[in-house]
PDB file of N, CA and C in Angstrom:
ATOM      1  N   LYS A   1      23.109   3.014 -14.598  1.00  0.00           N
ATOM      2  CA  LYS A   1      24.353   3.959 -15.412  1.00  0.00           C
ATOM      3  C   LYS A   1      24.950   3.196 -16.363  1.00  0.00           C
ATOM      4  N   GLN A   2      25.010   1.905 -15.495  1.00  0.00           N
ATOM      5  CA  GLN A   2      25.997   0.805 -16.453  1.00  0.00           C
ATOM      6  C   GLN A   2      24.932   0.098 -17.711  1.00  0.00           C
ATOM      7  N   LEU A   3      23.797   0.071 -17.601  1.00  0.00           N
ATOM      8  CA  LEU A   3      22.733  -0.317 -18.369  1.00  0.00           C
ATOM      9  C   LEU A   3      22.803   0.410 -19.488  1.00  0.00           C
ATOM     10  N   VAL A   4      22.557   1.889 -19.376  1.00  0.00           N
ATOM     11  CA  VAL A   4      22.596   2.614 -20.534  1.00  0.00           C
ATOM     12  C   VAL A   4      23.680   2.830 -21.481  1.00  0.00           C
ATOM     13  N   ALA A   5      24.868   2.565 -20.806  1.00  0.00           N
ATOM     14  CA  ALA A   5      26.223   2.716 -21.512  1.00  0.00           C
ATOM     15  C   ALA A   5      26.172   1.463 -21.998  1.00  0.00           C
ATOM     16  N   VAL A   6      25.579   0.304 -21.830  1.00  0.00           N
ATOM     17  CA  VAL A   6      25.708  -0.990 -22.750  1.00  0.00           C
ATOM     18  C   VAL A   6      24.525  -0.902 -23.680  1.00  0.00           C
ATOM     19  N   PHE A   7      23.636  -0.797 -23.533  1.00  0.00           N
ATOM     20  CA  PHE A   7      22.587   0.085 -24.555  1.00  0.00           C
ATOM     21  C   PHE A   7      23.281   0.905 -25.894  1.00  0.00           C
ATOM     22  N   SER A   8      24.060   1.846 -25.348  1.00  0.00           N
ATOM     23  CA  SER A   8      25.124   2.676 -26.391  1.00  0.00           C
ATOM     24  C   SER A   8      25.616   1.759 -26.955  1.00  0.00           C
ATOM     25  N   GLN A   9      26.300   0.987 -26.253  1.00  0.00           N
ATOM     26  CA  GLN A   9      27.177   0.195 -27.041  1.00  0.00           C
ATOM     27  C   GLN A   9      26.691  -1.009 -28.083  1.00  0.00           C
ATOM     28  N   LEU A  10      25.635  -1.510 -27.637  1.00  0.00           N
ATOM     29  CA  LEU A  10      24.684  -2.832 -28.380  1.00  0.00           C
ATOM     30  C   LEU A  10      24.311  -1.803 -29.625  1.00  0.00           C
ATOM     31  N   LYS A  11      23.862  -0.567 -29.543  1.00  0.00           N
ATOM     32  CA  LYS A  11      23.675   0.354 -30.771  1.00  0.00           C
ATOM     33  C   LYS A  11      24.751   0.622 -31.714  1.00  0.00           C
ATOM     34  N   ALA A  12      26.104   1.122 -31.080  1.00  0.00           N
ATOM     35  CA  ALA A  12      27.129   1.091 -31.886  1.00  0.00           C
ATOM     36  C   ALA A  12      27.310  -0.149 -32.709  1.00  0.00           C
ATOM     37  N   VAL A  13      27.366  -1.485 -32.311  1.00  0.00           N
ATOM     38  CA  VAL A  13      27.567  -2.672 -32.753  1.00  0.00           C
ATOM     39  C   VAL A  13      26.827  -3.489 -33.575  1.00  0.00           C
ATOM     40  N   TRP A  14      25.326  -3.123 -33.289  1.00  0.00           N
ATOM     41  CA  TRP A  14      24.226  -3.796 -33.941  1.00  0.00           C
ATOM     42  C   TRP A  14      24.753  -4.519 -35.086  1.00  0.00           C
ATOM     43  N   ASN A  15      24.732  -3.574 -35.891  1.00  0.00           N
ATOM     44  CA  ASN A  15      25.145  -4.192 -37.320  1.00  0.00           C
ATOM     45  C   ASN A  15      26.122  -5.102 -37.786  1.00  0.00           C
ATOM     46  N   SER A  16      27.468  -4.415 -37.391  1.00  0.00           N
ATOM     47  CA  SER A  16      28.919  -4.551 -37.770  1.00  0.00           C
ATOM     48  C   SER A  16      29.151  -6.026 -36.826  1.00  0.00           C
ATOM     49  N   ASN A  17      28.505  -6.060 -35.491  1.00  0.00           N
ATOM     50  CA  ASN A  17      29.061  -7.310 -34.569  1.00  0.00           C
ATOM     51  C   ASN A  17      27.885  -7.719 -34.142  1.00  0.00           C
ATOM     52  N   PRO A  18      27.240  -8.562 -34.765  1.00  0.00           N
ATOM     53  CA  PRO A  18      26.035  -9.414 -34.213  1.00  0.00           C
ATOM     54  C   PRO A  18      26.221 -10.330 -33.305  1.00  0.00           C
ATOM     55  N   GLU A  19      27.332 -11.079 -33.480  1.00  0.00           N
ATOM     56  CA  GLU A  19      27.799 -12.250 -32.747  1.00  0.00           C
ATOM     57  C   GLU A  19      28.107 -11.648 -31.220  1.00  0.00           C
ATOM     58  N   TRP A  20      28.634 -10.394 -30.762  1.00  0.00           N
ATOM     59  CA  TRP A  20      28.896  -9.500 -29.650  1.00  0.00           C
ATOM     60  C   TRP A  20      27.630  -9.382 -29.295  1.00  0.00           C
ATOM     61  N   VAL A  21      26.731  -9.173 -29.734  1.00  0.00           N
ATOM     62  CA  VAL A  21      25.187  -8.640 -29.430  1.00  0.00           C
ATOM     63  C   VAL A  21      24.587  -9.924 -28.758  1.00  0.00           C
ATOM     64  N   GLN A  22      24.513 -11.214 -29.800  1.00  0.00           N
ATOM     65  CA  GLN A  22      24.077 -12.273 -29.106  1.00  0.00           C
ATOM     66  C   GLN A  22      24.824 -12.922 -27.862  1.00  0.00           C
ATOM     67  N   LYS A  23      25.732 -12.686 -27.924  1.00  0.00           N
ATOM     68  CA  LYS A  23      27.293 -13.118 -26.737  1.00  0.00           C
ATOM     69  C   LYS A  23      26.251 -12.286 -25.469  1.00  0.00           C
ATOM     70  N   TYR A  24      26.121 -11.088 -25.407  1.00  0.00           N
ATOM     71  CA  TYR A  24      25.720 -10.204 -24.657  1.00  0.00           C
ATOM     72  C   TYR A  24      24.483 -10.849 -23.756  1.00  0.00           C
ATOM     73  N   MET A  25      23.561 -10.852 -24.796  1.00  0.00           N
ATOM     74  CA  MET A  25      21.966 -11.448 -24.461  1.00  0.00           C
ATOM     75  C   MET A  25      22.003 -12.631 -23.893  1.00  0.00           C
ATOM     76  N   ASP A  26      22.974 -13.503 -24.250  1.00  0.00           N
ATOM     77  CA  ASP A  26      23.000 -14.996 -23.734  1.00  0.00           C
ATOM     78  C   ASP A  26      23.562 -14.586 -22.226  1.00  0.00           C
ATOM     79  N   SER A  27      24.572 -13.814 -21.842  1.00  0.00           N
ATOM     80  CA  SER A  27      25.146 -13.417 -20.870  1.00  0.00           C
ATOM     81  C   SER A  27      24.064 -12.925 -19.601  1.00  0.00           C
ATOM     82  N   ILE A  28      23.000 -12.349 -20.198  1.00  0.00           N
ATOM     83  CA  ILE A  28      22.320 -11.447 -19.549  1.00  0.00           C
ATOM     84  C   ILE A  28      21.310 -12.890 -18.596  1.00  0.00           C
ATOM     85  N   TYR A  29      20.869 -13.820 -19.894  1.00  0.00           N
ATOM     86  CA  TYR A  29      20.069 -14.827 -19.295  1.00  0.00           C
ATOM     87  C   TYR A  29      20.885 -15.345 -17.990  1.00  0.00           C
ATOM     88  N   GLU A  30      22.236 -15.821 -18.469  1.00  0.00           N
ATOM     89  CA  GLU A  30      23.243 -16.839 -17.718  1.00  0.00           C
ATOM     90  C   GLU A  30      23.520 -16.303 -16.251  1.00  0.00           C
ATOM     91  N   GLU A  31      23.690 -14.804 -16.545  1.00  0.00           N
ATOM     92  CA  GLU A  31      24.414 -14.034 -15.186  1.00  0.00           C
ATOM     93  C   GLU A  31      23.050 -13.345 -14.519  1.00  0.00           C
ATOM     94  N   SER A  32      21.821 -13.316 -15.206  1.00  0.00           N
ATOM     95  CA  SER A  32      20.833 -12.435 -14.418  1.00  0.00           C
ATOM     96  C   SER A  32      19.742 -13.454 -13.865  1.00  0.00           C
ATOM     97  N   LEU A  33      19.280 -14.156 -15.037  1.00  0.00           N
ATOM     98  CA  LEU A  33      17.995 -14.665 -14.885  1.00  0.00           C
ATOM     99  C   LEU A  33      18.135 -16.414 -14.773  1.00  0.00           C
ATOM    100  N   LYS A  34      19.151 -16.696 -14.534  1.00  0.00           N
ATOM    101  CA  LYS A  34      19.285 -18.288 -14.612  1.00  0.00           C
ATOM    102  C   LYS A  34      19.282 -18.780 -13.141  1.00  0.00           C
ATOM    103  N   GLU A  35      17.440 -18.990 -12.935  1.00  0.00           N
ATOM    104  CA  GLU A  35      17.383 -19.057 -11.422  1.00  0.00           C
ATOM    105  C   GLU A  35      17.970 -20.029 -10.415  1.00  0.00           C
ATOM    106  N   LYS A  36      18.626 -21.329 -10.944  1.00  0.00           N
ATOM    107  CA  LYS A  36      19.037 -22.258 -10.285  1.00  0.00           C
ATOM    108  C   LYS A  36      20.763 -21.605  -9.740  1.00  0.00           C
ATOM    109  N   GLU A  37      21.145 -20.712 -10.711  1.00  0.00           N
ATOM    110  CA  GLU A  37      22.646 -20.518 -10.177  1.00  0.00           C
ATOM    111  C   GLU A  37      22.633 -18.804 -10.058  1.00  0.00           C
ATOM    112  N   VAL A  38      21.653 -18.261 -10.263  1.00  0.00           N
ATOM    113  CA  VAL A  38      21.753 -16.582  -9.846  1.00  0.00           C
ATOM    114  C   VAL A  38      20.742 -16.485  -8.351  1.00  0.00           C
ATOM    115  N   PRO A  39      20.844 -15.622  -7.555  1.00  0.00           N
ATOM    116  CA  PRO A  39      20.203 -15.196  -6.430  1.00  0.00           C
ATOM    117  C   PRO A  39      18.972 -14.581  -7.270  1.00  0.00           C
ATOM    118  N   LEU A  40      17.643 -15.157  -6.327  1.00  0.00           N
ATOM    119  CA  LEU A  40      16.384 -14.343  -6.790  1.00  0.00           C
ATOM    120  C   LEU A  40      16.398 -13.054  -6.983  1.00  0.00           C
ATOM    121  N   GLY A  41      16.914 -12.469  -5.957  1.00  0.00           N
ATOM    122  CA  GLY A  41      17.215 -10.819  -6.195  1.00  0.00           C
ATOM    123  C   GLY A  41      17.874 -10.289  -7.329  1.00  0.00           C
ATOM    124  N   VAL A  42      18.577 -10.795  -7.737  1.00  0.00           N
ATOM    125  CA  VAL A  42      19.665 -10.602  -9.126  1.00  0.00           C
ATOM    126  C   VAL A  42      18.329 -10.437 -10.356  1.00  0.00           C
ATOM    127  N   GLY A  43      17.436 -11.735 -10.496  1.00  0.00           N
ATOM    128  CA  GLY A  43      16.779 -11.400 -11.277  1.00  0.00           C
ATOM    129  C   GLY A  43      15.669 -10.442 -11.288  1.00  0.00           C
ATOM    130  N   MET A  44      15.198 -10.399 -10.077  1.00  0.00           N
ATOM    131  CA  MET A  44      14.150  -9.258 -10.063  1.00  0.00           C
ATOM    132  C   MET A  44      14.512  -8.191 -10.289  1.00  0.00           C
ATOM    133  N   HIS A  45      15.655  -7.503  -9.573  1.00  0.00           N
ATOM    134  CA  HIS A  45      16.287  -6.259 -10.077  1.00  0.00           C
ATOM    135  C   HIS A  45      16.437  -5.810 -11.696  1.00  0.00           C
ATOM    136  N   MET A  46      16.886  -7.399 -12.308  1.00  0.00           N
ATOM    137  CA  MET A  46      16.797  -7.011 -13.774  1.00  0.00           C
ATOM    138  C   MET A  46      15.771  -7.141 -14.315  1.00  0.00           C
ATOM    139  N   ALA A  47      14.954  -7.430 -14.219  1.00  0.00           N
ATOM    140  CA  ALA A  47      13.720  -7.733 -14.281  1.00  0.00           C
ATOM    141  C   ALA A  47      13.039  -6.146 -14.063  1.00  0.00           C
ATOM    142  N   ASP A  48      12.996  -5.610 -13.030  1.00  0.00           N
ATOM    143  CA  ASP A  48      12.728  -4.187 -12.745  1.00  0.00           C
ATOM    144  C   ASP A  48      13.241  -3.191 -13.633  1.00  0.00           C
ATOM    145  N   ILE A  49      14.355  -3.420 -13.960  1.00  0.00           N
ATOM    146  CA  ILE A  49      15.267  -2.005 -14.768  1.00  0.00           C
ATOM    147  C   ILE A  49      15.066  -2.468 -16.117  1.00  0.00           C
ATOM    148  N   TYR A  50      15.550  -3.767 -16.387  1.00  0.00           N
ATOM    149  CA  TYR A  50      16.027  -3.597 -18.007  1.00  0.00           C
ATOM    150  C   TYR A  50      14.679  -3.187 -18.912  1.00  0.00           C
ATOM    151  N   ILE A  51      13.530  -3.224 -18.949  1.00  0.00           N
ATOM    152  CA  ILE A  51      12.480  -3.040 -19.755  1.00  0.00           C
ATOM    153  C   ILE A  51      12.552  -1.412 -19.869  1.00  0.00           C
ATOM    154  N   ASP A  52      12.581  -1.040 -18.337  1.00  0.00           N
ATOM    155  CA  ASP A  52      12.238   0.461 -18.149  1.00  0.00           C
ATOM    156  C   ASP A  52      13.597   1.235 -19.126  1.00  0.00           C
ATOM    157  N   GLU A  53      14.668   0.788 -18.738  1.00  0.00           N
ATOM    158  CA  GLU A  53      15.987   1.258 -19.246  1.00  0.00           C
ATOM    159  C   GLU A  53      15.763   1.183 -20.966  1.00  0.00           C
ATOM    160  N   LEU A  54      15.200  -0.016 -21.360  1.00  0.00           N
ATOM    161  CA  LEU A  54      15.323  -0.168 -23.071  1.00  0.00           C
ATOM    162  C   LEU A  54      14.500   0.427 -23.425  1.00  0.00           C
ATOM    163  N   SER A  55      13.408   1.136 -22.684  1.00  0.00           N
ATOM    164  CA  SER A  55      12.616   2.032 -23.446  1.00  0.00           C
ATOM    165  C   SER A  55      12.693   3.189 -23.557  1.00  0.00           C
ATOM    166  N   LYS A  56      13.737   3.738 -22.481  1.00  0.00           N
ATOM    167  CA  LYS A  56      14.116   4.841 -22.345  1.00  0.00           C
ATOM    168  C   LYS A  56      15.332   5.102 -23.478  1.00  0.00           C
ATOM    169  N   ASN A  57      16.191   4.162 -23.826  1.00  0.00           N
ATOM    170  CA  ASN A  57      17.686   4.164 -24.527  1.00  0.00           C
ATOM    171  C   ASN A  57      17.092   3.775 -26.286  1.00  0.00           C
ATOM    172  N   PHE A  58      16.176   3.345 -26.474  1.00  0.00           N
ATOM    173  CA  PHE A  58      15.741   2.951 -27.918  1.00  0.00           C
ATOM    174  C   PHE A  58      14.816   3.762 -28.541  1.00  0.00           C
ATOM    175  N   ASP A  59      14.754   4.707 -29.367  1.00  0.00           N
ATOM    176  CA  ASP A  59      13.774   4.838 -29.984  1.00  0.00           C
ATOM    177  C   ASP A  59      12.713   4.004 -30.907  1.00  0.00           C
ATOM    178  N   LYS A  60      11.530   3.707 -30.995  1.00  0.00           N
ATOM    179  CA  LYS A  60      10.658   2.678 -31.314  1.00  0.00           C
ATOM    180  C   LYS A  60      10.963   2.892 -32.771  1.00  0.00           C
ATOM    181  N   ASN A  61      11.699   4.049 -33.639  1.00  0.00           N
ATOM    182  CA  ASN A  61      11.844   3.836 -34.912  1.00  0.00           C
ATOM    183  C   ASN A  61      12.986   3.159 -35.357  1.00  0.00           C
ATOM    184  N   GLU A  62      13.760   3.068 -34.318  1.00  0.00           N
ATOM    185  CA  GLU A  62      15.171   2.150 -34.829  1.00  0.00           C
ATOM    186  C   GLU A  62      14.973   1.010 -34.343  1.00  0.00           C
ATOM    187  N   MET A  63      13.797   0.342 -33.994  1.00  0.00           N
ATOM    188  CA  MET A  63      13.521  -0.854 -33.360  1.00  0.00           C
ATOM    189  C   MET A  63      12.935  -1.999 -34.374  1.00  0.00           C
ATOM    190  N   SER A  64      13.634  -2.809 -34.988  1.00  0.00           N
ATOM    191  CA  SER A  64      12.891  -3.879 -35.727  1.00  0.00           C
ATOM    192  C   SER A  64      12.254  -4.677 -35.085  1.00  0.00           C
ATOM    193  N   HIS A  65      11.342  -5.582 -35.529  1.00  0.00           N
ATOM    194  CA  HIS A  65      10.864  -6.493 -34.737  1.00  0.00           C
ATOM    195  C   HIS A  65      11.938  -7.348 -34.478  1.00  0.00           C
ATOM    196  N   GLU A  66      12.847  -7.701 -35.061  1.00  0.00           N
ATOM    197  CA  GLU A  66      14.210  -8.658 -34.792  1.00  0.00           C
ATOM    198  C   GLU A  66      14.853  -8.350 -33.659  1.00  0.00           C
ATOM    199  N   ARG A  67      14.984  -7.118 -33.605  1.00  0.00           N
ATOM    200  CA  ARG A  67      15.910  -6.412 -32.721  1.00  0.00           C
ATOM    201  C   ARG A  67      15.248  -6.317 -31.459  1.00  0.00           C
ATOM    202  N   VAL A  68      13.861  -6.094 -31.430  1.00  0.00           N
ATOM    203  CA  VAL A  68      12.991  -5.964 -30.029  1.00  0.00           C
ATOM    204  C   VAL A  68      13.114  -7.443 -29.719  1.00  0.00           C
ATOM    205  N   THR A  69      12.816  -8.624 -30.284  1.00  0.00           N
ATOM    206  CA  THR A  69      12.935  -9.677 -30.234  1.00  0.00           C
ATOM    207  C   THR A  69      14.388 -10.517 -29.628  1.00  0.00           C
ATOM    208  N   GLN A  70      15.301  -9.779 -29.969  1.00  0.00           N
ATOM    209  CA  GLN A  70      16.738 -10.363 -29.634  1.00  0.00           C
ATOM    210  C   GLN A  70      16.780  -9.483 -28.289  1.00  0.00           C
ATOM    211  N   LEU A  71      16.744  -8.374 -27.899  1.00  0.00           N
ATOM    212  CA  LEU A  71      16.746  -7.632 -26.816  1.00  0.00           C
ATOM    213  C   LEU A  71      15.889  -8.342 -25.662  1.00  0.00           C
ATOM    214  N   LEU A  72      14.750  -8.864 -26.116  1.00  0.00           N
ATOM    215  CA  LEU A  72      13.733  -9.622 -24.831  1.00  0.00           C
ATOM    216  C   LEU A  72      14.184 -10.927 -24.630  1.00  0.00           C
ATOM    217  N   ASN A  73      14.833 -11.826 -25.445  1.00  0.00           N
ATOM    218  CA  ASN A  73      14.841 -13.043 -25.551  1.00  0.00           C
ATOM    219  C   ASN A  73      15.536 -13.656 -24.188  1.00  0.00           C
ATOM    220  N   PRO A  74      16.479 -12.782 -23.465  1.00  0.00           N
ATOM    221  CA  PRO A  74      16.737 -13.524 -22.289  1.00  0.00           C
ATOM    222  C   PRO A  74      15.756 -13.777 -21.344  1.00  0.00           C
ATOM    223  N   PHE A  75      14.595 -12.758 -21.191  1.00  0.00           N
ATOM    224  CA  PHE A  75      13.681 -12.738 -20.779  1.00  0.00           C
ATOM    225  C   PHE A  75      12.566 -13.850 -20.965  1.00  0.00           C
ATOM    226  N   LEU A  76      12.644 -14.056 -22.223  1.00  0.00           N
ATOM    227  CA  LEU A  76      11.334 -15.107 -23.034  1.00  0.00           C
ATOM    228  C   LEU A  76      12.152 -16.204 -22.610  1.00  0.00           C
ATOM    229  N   GLN A  77      13.326 -16.479 -22.692  1.00  0.00           N
ATOM    230  CA  GLN A  77      14.102 -17.808 -22.333  1.00  0.00           C
ATOM    231  C   GLN A  77      13.953 -18.168 -21.108  1.00  0.00           C
ATOM    232  N   ALA A  78      13.722 -16.995 -20.070  1.00  0.00           N
ATOM    233  CA  ALA A  78      14.004 -17.405 -18.645  1.00  0.00           C
ATOM    234  C   ALA A  78      12.257 -17.708 -18.332  1.00  0.00           C
ATOM    235  N   LEU A  79      11.463 -16.922 -18.894  1.00  0.00           N
ATOM    236  CA  LEU A  79      10.077 -17.512 -18.821  1.00  0.00           C
ATOM    237  C   LEU A  79       9.499 -18.732 -18.915  1.00  0.00           C
ATOM    238  N   GLY A  80      10.022 -19.390 -20.112  1.00  0.00           N
ATOM    239  CA  GLY A  80      10.000 -20.680 -20.125  1.00  0.00           C
ATOM    240  C   GLY A  80      10.493 -21.775 -19.363  1.00  0.00           C
ATOM    241  N   LYS A  81      11.508 -21.382 -18.450  1.00  0.00           N
ATOM    242  CA  LYS A  81      12.443 -22.404 -17.720  1.00  0.00           C
ATOM    243  C   LYS A  81      12.174 -22.105 -16.142  1.00  0.00           C
ATOM    244  N   ILE A  82      11.569 -20.694 -15.708  1.00  0.00           N
ATOM    245  CA  ILE A  82      11.449 -20.416 -13.984  1.00  0.00           C
ATOM    246  C   ILE A  82      10.506 -21.216 -13.568  1.00  0.00           C
ATOM    247  N   GLN A  83      10.830 -21.581 -12.433  1.00  0.00           N
ATOM    248  CA  GLN A  83       9.874 -22.401 -11.285  1.00  0.00           C
ATOM    249  C   GLN A  83       9.616 -21.259 -10.313  1.00  0.00           C
ATOM    250  N   GLN A  84      10.266 -20.469 -10.202  1.00  0.00           N
ATOM    251  CA  GLN A  84       9.892 -19.406  -8.800  1.00  0.00           C
ATOM    252  C   GLN A  84       9.058 -18.833  -9.403  1.00  0.00           C
ATOM    253  N   VAL A  85       7.679 -18.635  -9.147  1.00  0.00           N
ATOM    254  CA  VAL A  85       6.394 -18.128  -9.234  1.00  0.00           C
ATOM    255  C   VAL A  85       6.713 -16.678  -9.115  1.00  0.00           C
ATOM    256  N   VAL A  86       7.216 -16.036  -8.254  1.00  0.00           N
ATOM    257  CA  VAL A  86       7.268 -14.765  -7.943  1.00  0.00           C
ATOM    258  C   VAL A  86       8.104 -13.985  -9.126  1.00  0.00           C
ATOM    259  N   LEU A  87       9.295 -14.535  -9.663  1.00  0.00           N
ATOM    260  CA  LEU A  87      10.446 -14.284 -10.714  1.00  0.00           C
ATOM    261  C   LEU A  87       9.633 -14.246 -11.950  1.00  0.00           C
ATOM    262  N   PHE A  88       8.400 -15.271 -12.138  1.00  0.00           N
ATOM    263  CA  PHE A  88       7.955 -15.314 -13.478  1.00  0.00           C
ATOM    264  C   PHE A  88       6.786 -14.415 -13.716  1.00  0.00           C
ATOM    265  N   GLN A  89       6.096 -13.841 -12.362  1.00  0.00           N
ATOM    266  CA  GLN A  89       5.385 -12.974 -12.417  1.00  0.00           C
ATOM    267  C   GLN A  89       5.962 -11.448 -12.822  1.00  0.00           C
ATOM    268  N   ARG A  90       6.995 -11.159 -12.104  1.00  0.00           N
ATOM    269  CA  ARG A  90       7.814 -10.073 -12.417  1.00  0.00           C
ATOM    270  C   ARG A  90       8.084  -9.699 -13.761  1.00  0.00           C
ATOM    271  N   ILE A  91       8.600 -10.866 -14.463  1.00  0.00           N
ATOM    272  CA  ILE A  91       9.175 -10.765 -15.710  1.00  0.00           C
ATOM    273  C   ILE A  91       8.023 -10.417 -16.871  1.00  0.00           C
ATOM    274  N   LYS A  92       6.494 -10.866 -16.120  1.00  0.00           N
ATOM    275  CA  LYS A  92       5.555 -11.067 -17.163  1.00  0.00           C
ATOM    276  C   LYS A  92       4.876  -9.811 -16.810  1.00  0.00           C
ATOM    277  N   GLU A  93       5.084  -8.765 -15.844  1.00  0.00           N
ATOM    278  CA  GLU A  93       4.893  -7.467 -15.368  1.00  0.00           C
ATOM    279  C   GLU A  93       5.554  -6.658 -16.701  1.00  0.00           C
TER     280      GLU A  93
END
């Protein structure tokens, strides 16, 4: 439910406050996917729910390539740095 609320807020401020959106995307990586500082289970859980909730809360007609890339960037960033194979595989899925 929290993620749904966050997605609603992202939609509301996307054009008016892109800096906030970027800071939030950075915090997803820092707080959920940065493997040396976050327990593996947190990253696995985030990978499990994020894309599913993203697809439920954003209409494909409102998603530009730029927005999709920005929303997926924490995971793309993690893929480039992850050393734990199990988390890497989960994100790839």
